[in-house]
Amino acid sequence: MTLIQKLAVAYGVLFFAVVAVGYVPAFNDASGNLFGLFSLQWYDDLLHAFSGVWALVAAMLSHRQSVFYFRLFGSVYLFDGILGLVTGSGCLDGGIFINGFRSFDDIEFPVRVFANLPHIVIGGFAVWVGFVLAKRVGDRLAAA
């Protein structure tokens, strides 16, 4: 199993943990907001669970499928995080289509940042893995 496949397994575990954390009362405020920032719905859990299953399947299939996962998944998640930061609405939950652009009066800036930071970090790292690290690992595999 290559490093990229191991990272895909780690992403799978990470996403299952994200789903599980949403059901721990200590992490939800009185309004049901996770970490007091945002509310996760059943479709968010479904998206996170699917992301985890996809990562694990890719890791089990091959190095190439793991690279594809990180490239596509990372690009989509990073885009969603940046879109959410800029507009106040993401695309993966349909928010941009339902709520459109939201002003900074609707969502305070720190909340907007912390609500989108997970997708920016997770997606950004995945993009780096898929496009930068995979090339380095691939070069080493080809040389071996």
C-alpha atoms as a PDB file:
ATOM      1  CA  MET A   1       0.000   0.000   0.000  1.00  0.00           C
ATOM      2  CA  THR A   2       1.455   3.343  -1.073  1.00  0.00           C
ATOM      3  CA  LEU A   3       1.558   6.492   1.026  1.00  0.00           C
ATOM      4  CA  ILE A   4      -1.308   7.951  -1.028  1.00  0.00           C
ATOM      5  CA  GLN A   5      -3.457   4.885  -0.303  1.00  0.00           C
ATOM      6  CA  LYS A   6      -2.650   5.137   3.405  1.00  0.00           C
ATOM      7  CA  LEU A   7      -3.690   8.797   3.353  1.00  0.00           C
ATOM      8  CA  ALA A   8      -6.950   7.780   1.655  1.00  0.00           C
ATOM      9  CA  VAL A   9      -7.583   5.318   4.502  1.00  0.00           C
ATOM     10  CA  ALA A  10      -6.893   8.142   6.968  1.00  0.00           C
ATOM     11  CA  TYR A  11      -9.417  10.344   5.132  1.00  0.00           C
ATOM     12  CA  GLY A  12     -11.975   7.543   5.316  1.00  0.00           C
ATOM     13  CA  VAL A  13     -11.510   7.277   9.069  1.00  0.00           C
ATOM     14  CA  LEU A  14     -11.567  11.081   9.389  1.00  0.00           C
ATOM     15  CA  PHE A  15     -14.936  11.332   7.660  1.00  0.00           C
ATOM     16  CA  PHE A  16     -16.496   8.588   9.747  1.00  0.00           C
ATOM     17  CA  ALA A  17     -15.246  10.467  12.819  1.00  0.00           C
ATOM     18  CA  VAL A  18     -16.819  13.690  11.497  1.00  0.00           C
ATOM     19  CA  VAL A  19     -20.179  11.931  11.254  1.00  0.00           C
ATOM     20  CA  ALA A  20     -19.790  10.434  14.735  1.00  0.00           C
ATOM     21  CA  VAL A  21     -18.798  13.748  16.369  1.00  0.00           C
ATOM     22  CA  GLY A  22     -22.088  15.273  15.248  1.00  0.00           C
ATOM     23  CA  TYR A  23     -23.913  12.813  17.514  1.00  0.00           C
ATOM     24  CA  VAL A  24     -21.883  13.569  20.653  1.00  0.00           C
ATOM     25  CA  PRO A  25     -23.958  15.962  22.810  1.00  0.00           C
ATOM     26  CA  ALA A  26     -20.858  17.597  24.319  1.00  0.00           C
ATOM     27  CA  PHE A  27     -19.922  19.009  20.894  1.00  0.00           C
ATOM     28  CA  ASN A  28     -23.342  20.528  20.185  1.00  0.00           C
ATOM     29  CA  ASP A  29     -24.756  23.682  21.736  1.00  0.00           C
ATOM     30  CA  ALA A  30     -28.345  24.128  22.935  1.00  0.00           C
ATOM     31  CA  SER A  31     -29.454  25.020  19.393  1.00  0.00           C
ATOM     32  CA  GLY A  32     -27.920  21.840  17.989  1.00  0.00           C
ATOM     33  CA  ASN A  33     -25.025  23.634  16.307  1.00  0.00           C
ATOM     34  CA  LEU A  34     -21.815  21.641  16.125  1.00  0.00           C
ATOM     35  CA  PHE A  35     -19.137  23.517  18.083  1.00  0.00           C
ATOM     36  CA  GLY A  36     -21.647  26.378  18.230  1.00  0.00           C
ATOM     37  CA  LEU A  37     -20.934  27.219  14.576  1.00  0.00           C
ATOM     38  CA  PHE A  38     -23.168  25.286  12.207  1.00  0.00           C
ATOM     39  CA  SER A  39     -25.911  22.737  12.094  1.00  0.00           C
ATOM     40  CA  LEU A  40     -25.272  19.444  10.325  1.00  0.00           C
ATOM     41  CA  GLN A  41     -28.297  17.822   8.678  1.00  0.00           C
ATOM     42  CA  TRP A  42     -28.830  14.224   7.583  1.00  0.00           C
ATOM     43  CA  TYR A  43     -27.644  15.098   4.065  1.00  0.00           C
ATOM     44  CA  ASP A  44     -24.397  16.506   5.502  1.00  0.00           C
ATOM     45  CA  ASP A  45     -23.856  13.226   7.331  1.00  0.00           C
ATOM     46  CA  LEU A  46     -24.627  11.346   4.132  1.00  0.00           C
ATOM     47  CA  LEU A  47     -22.112  13.447   2.186  1.00  0.00           C
ATOM     48  CA  HIS A  48     -19.418  12.943   4.834  1.00  0.00           C
ATOM     49  CA  ALA A  49     -20.108   9.199   5.059  1.00  0.00           C
ATOM     50  CA  PHE A  50     -20.000   8.905   1.253  1.00  0.00           C
ATOM     51  CA  SER A  51     -16.688  10.803   1.211  1.00  0.00           C
ATOM     52  CA  GLY A  52     -15.304   8.330   3.741  1.00  0.00           C
ATOM     53  CA  VAL A  53     -16.558   5.263   1.865  1.00  0.00           C
ATOM     54  CA  TRP A  54     -15.184   6.642  -1.404  1.00  0.00           C
ATOM     55  CA  ALA A  55     -11.771   7.216   0.218  1.00  0.00           C
ATOM     56  CA  LEU A  56     -11.650   3.676   1.621  1.00  0.00           C
ATOM     57  CA  VAL A  57     -12.782   2.067  -1.639  1.00  0.00           C
ATOM     58  CA  ALA A  58     -10.207   4.089  -3.586  1.00  0.00           C
ATOM     59  CA  ALA A  59      -7.477   3.056  -1.125  1.00  0.00           C
ATOM     60  CA  MET A  60      -8.395  -0.616  -1.437  1.00  0.00           C
ATOM     61  CA  LEU A  61      -8.598  -0.508  -5.242  1.00  0.00           C
ATOM     62  CA  SER A  62      -5.283   1.089  -6.175  1.00  0.00           C
ATOM     63  CA  HIS A  63      -2.786   3.894  -5.902  1.00  0.00           C
ATOM     64  CA  ARG A  64      -4.224   5.408  -9.092  1.00  0.00           C
ATOM     65  CA  GLN A  65      -7.783   5.445  -7.722  1.00  0.00           C
ATOM     66  CA  SER A  66      -6.525   7.047  -4.513  1.00  0.00           C
ATOM     67  CA  VAL A  67      -4.830   9.808  -6.501  1.00  0.00           C
ATOM     68  CA  PHE A  68      -8.050  10.340  -8.473  1.00  0.00           C
ATOM     69  CA  TYR A  69      -9.993  10.544  -5.200  1.00  0.00           C
ATOM     70  CA  PHE A  70      -7.704  13.218  -3.792  1.00  0.00           C
ATOM     71  CA  ARG A  71      -7.709  15.237  -7.003  1.00  0.00           C
ATOM     72  CA  LEU A  72     -11.466  15.252  -7.546  1.00  0.00           C
ATOM     73  CA  PHE A  73     -12.600  15.197  -3.925  1.00  0.00           C
ATOM     74  CA  GLY A  74     -10.030  17.802  -2.890  1.00  0.00           C
ATOM     75  CA  SER A  75     -10.920  20.155  -5.719  1.00  0.00           C
ATOM     76  CA  VAL A  76     -14.635  19.965  -4.945  1.00  0.00           C
ATOM     77  CA  TYR A  77     -14.210  20.370  -1.170  1.00  0.00           C
ATOM     78  CA  LEU A  78     -11.723  23.213  -1.531  1.00  0.00           C
ATOM     79  CA  PHE A  79     -14.056  24.990  -3.965  1.00  0.00           C
ATOM     80  CA  ASP A  80     -16.963  24.505  -1.548  1.00  0.00           C
ATOM     81  CA  GLY A  81     -14.958  25.988   1.330  1.00  0.00           C
ATOM     82  CA  ILE A  82     -13.798  29.005  -0.653  1.00  0.00           C
ATOM     83  CA  LEU A  83     -17.286  29.564  -2.061  1.00  0.00           C
ATOM     84  CA  GLY A  84     -18.736  29.394   1.452  1.00  0.00           C
ATOM     85  CA  LEU A  85     -16.151  31.845   2.730  1.00  0.00           C
ATOM     86  CA  VAL A  86     -16.751  34.328  -0.071  1.00  0.00           C
ATOM     87  CA  THR A  87     -20.529  34.025  -0.485  1.00  0.00           C
ATOM     88  CA  GLY A  88     -21.695  32.632   2.859  1.00  0.00           C
ATOM     89  CA  SER A  89     -23.222  29.636   1.068  1.00  0.00           C
ATOM     90  CA  GLY A  90     -21.556  26.422  -0.042  1.00  0.00           C
ATOM     91  CA  CYS A  91     -22.386  24.282  -3.040  1.00  0.00           C
ATOM     92  CA  LEU A  92     -22.233  20.754  -1.592  1.00  0.00           C
ATOM     93  CA  ASP A  93     -25.256  21.296   0.621  1.00  0.00           C
ATOM     94  CA  GLY A  94     -27.074  23.269  -2.069  1.00  0.00           C
ATOM     95  CA  GLY A  95     -26.840  26.450  -0.003  1.00  0.00           C
ATOM     96  CA  ILE A  96     -25.711  28.623  -2.896  1.00  0.00           C
ATOM     97  CA  PHE A  97     -28.834  27.566  -4.816  1.00  0.00           C
ATOM     98  CA  ILE A  98     -31.201  27.869  -1.848  1.00  0.00           C
ATOM     99  CA  ASN A  99     -29.808  30.936  -0.035  1.00  0.00           C
ATOM    100  CA  GLY A 100     -27.773  32.600  -2.773  1.00  0.00           C
ATOM    101  CA  PHE A 101     -25.102  35.093  -1.776  1.00  0.00           C
ATOM    102  CA  ARG A 102     -25.359  36.029   1.896  1.00  0.00           C
ATOM    103  CA  SER A 103     -24.101  39.331   3.214  1.00  0.00           C
ATOM    104  CA  PHE A 104     -21.611  39.666   6.024  1.00  0.00           C
ATOM    105  CA  ASP A 105     -24.493  40.975   8.115  1.00  0.00           C
ATOM    106  CA  ASP A 106     -26.202  37.547   7.851  1.00  0.00           C
ATOM    107  CA  ILE A 107     -23.170  35.619   9.079  1.00  0.00           C
ATOM    108  CA  GLU A 108     -20.491  37.172  11.240  1.00  0.00           C
ATOM    109  CA  PHE A 109     -17.038  36.960   9.691  1.00  0.00           C
ATOM    110  CA  PRO A 110     -15.432  34.733  12.364  1.00  0.00           C
ATOM    111  CA  VAL A 111     -18.334  32.265  12.122  1.00  0.00           C
ATOM    112  CA  ARG A 112     -18.081  32.314   8.326  1.00  0.00           C
ATOM    113  CA  VAL A 113     -14.356  31.569   8.521  1.00  0.00           C
ATOM    114  CA  PHE A 114     -14.609  28.772  11.089  1.00  0.00           C
ATOM    115  CA  ALA A 115     -17.627  27.205   9.385  1.00  0.00           C
ATOM    116  CA  ASN A 116     -15.735  26.945   6.072  1.00  0.00           C
ATOM    117  CA  LEU A 117     -12.234  26.317   7.387  1.00  0.00           C
ATOM    118  CA  PRO A 118     -12.689  22.513   7.634  1.00  0.00           C
ATOM    119  CA  HIS A 119     -13.521  22.214   3.927  1.00  0.00           C
ATOM    120  CA  ILE A 120     -10.701  24.591   2.994  1.00  0.00           C
ATOM    121  CA  VAL A 121      -8.125  22.663   5.051  1.00  0.00           C
ATOM    122  CA  ILE A 122      -9.357  19.158   4.204  1.00  0.00           C
ATOM    123  CA  GLY A 123      -9.860  20.037   0.533  1.00  0.00           C
ATOM    124  CA  GLY A 124      -6.616  21.983   0.293  1.00  0.00           C
ATOM    125  CA  PHE A 125      -4.588  19.143   1.779  1.00  0.00           C
ATOM    126  CA  ALA A 126      -6.330  16.659  -0.521  1.00  0.00           C
ATOM    127  CA  VAL A 127      -5.490  18.825  -3.554  1.00  0.00           C
ATOM    128  CA  TRP A 128      -1.876  18.927  -2.423  1.00  0.00           C
ATOM    129  CA  VAL A 129      -1.828  15.146  -1.975  1.00  0.00           C
ATOM    130  CA  GLY A 130      -3.465  14.516  -5.349  1.00  0.00           C
ATOM    131  CA  PHE A 131      -1.486  16.945  -7.453  1.00  0.00           C
ATOM    132  CA  VAL A 132       1.867  17.447  -5.676  1.00  0.00           C
ATOM    133  CA  LEU A 133       2.601  14.520  -3.398  1.00  0.00           C
ATOM    134  CA  ALA A 134       1.200  11.973  -5.863  1.00  0.00           C
ATOM    135  CA  LYS A 135       3.621  13.208  -8.512  1.00  0.00           C
ATOM    136  CA  ARG A 136       6.570  12.785  -6.142  1.00  0.00           C
ATOM    137  CA  VAL A 137       5.407   9.322  -5.056  1.00  0.00           C
ATOM    138  CA  GLY A 138       4.669   8.382  -8.670  1.00  0.00           C
ATOM    139  CA  ASP A 139       8.148   9.489  -9.738  1.00  0.00           C
ATOM    140  CA  ARG A 140       9.672   7.315  -7.008  1.00  0.00           C
ATOM    141  CA  LEU A 141       7.476   4.349  -7.972  1.00  0.00           C
ATOM    142  CA  ALA A 142       8.476   4.701 -11.624  1.00  0.00           C
ATOM    143  CA  ALA A 143      12.172   4.876 -10.715  1.00  0.00           C
ATOM    144  CA  ALA A 144      11.983   1.735  -8.564  1.00  0.00           C
END
